[in-house]
Protein backbone atom coordinates (compact mmCIF):
# COMPACT_ATOMS: atom_id res chain seq x y z
CA MET A 1 1.10 -29.69 41.87
CA ALA A 2 -0.50 -27.37 44.30
CA THR A 3 0.35 -24.48 42.04
CA TYR A 4 -1.85 -26.24 39.36
CA LEU A 5 -4.69 -26.70 42.05
CA ILE A 6 -4.63 -23.26 43.06
CA ILE A 7 -4.46 -22.04 39.41
CA GLY A 8 -7.49 -23.94 38.53
CA LEU A 9 -9.63 -23.29 41.17
CA VAL A 10 -8.54 -19.54 40.34
CA ILE A 11 -9.73 -20.00 36.43
CA ILE A 12 -13.23 -21.57 37.81
CA VAL A 13 -14.24 -18.88 39.99
CA ILE A 14 -13.42 -16.31 36.87
CA VAL A 15 -15.31 -18.25 35.21
CA GLY A 16 -18.22 -18.48 37.15
CA ALA A 17 -18.28 -14.88 37.67
CA LEU A 18 -18.78 -14.35 34.09
CA LEU A 19 -21.57 -16.54 34.05
CA HIS A 20 -23.21 -15.02 36.49
CA ILE A 21 -22.74 -11.49 35.28
CA LEU A 22 -23.90 -13.04 31.77
CA SER A 23 -27.17 -14.24 33.54
CA THR A 24 -27.73 -10.71 34.98
CA ALA A 25 -27.29 -9.07 32.11
CA LYS A 26 -29.88 -11.26 30.51
CA LYS A 27 -32.71 -10.11 32.67
CA PHE A 28 -32.38 -6.84 32.20
CA LYS A 29 -32.52 -6.95 28.43
CA LEU A 30 -35.73 -4.97 27.14
CA ASP A 31 -38.23 -6.82 24.39
CA GLU A 32 -39.54 -4.65 21.55
CA SER A 33 -42.97 -3.86 23.83
CA GLN A 34 -41.16 -2.55 26.39
CA LEU A 35 -38.84 -0.35 24.41
CA LYS A 36 -41.89 1.33 22.44
CA LYS A 37 -43.80 1.93 25.82
CA ILE A 38 -40.20 3.77 27.18
CA LYS A 39 -40.12 5.79 24.14
CA GLN A 40 -43.82 6.60 23.76
CA ARG A 41 -43.49 7.78 27.78
CA GLU A 42 -40.51 10.40 26.78
CA ARG A 43 -42.35 11.88 23.84
CA GLU A 44 -45.38 12.45 26.26
CA GLN A 45 -42.99 13.40 28.69
CA LYS A 46 -41.57 15.83 26.20
CA ILE A 47 -44.97 17.89 25.30
CA LYS A 48 -45.89 18.29 28.51
CA ASP A 49 -42.40 20.01 29.43
CA GLN A 50 -43.03 22.14 26.21
CA GLN A 51 -46.62 22.76 27.36
CA PHE A 52 -45.40 23.60 30.90
CA LYS A 53 -42.91 26.27 29.70
CA LYS A 54 -45.69 28.13 27.69
């Protein structure tokens, strides 16, 4: 009987950890406008780097 309780608790802990990981991963998801801004900054930085090398 005690082994079933321990197994149940372990399963609950694992599921809770997975849900926590998934919820934090959603926070870091970027939407389209943020991705476009990042790509624009990368392009501008490349241009600045090329001008600096000259």
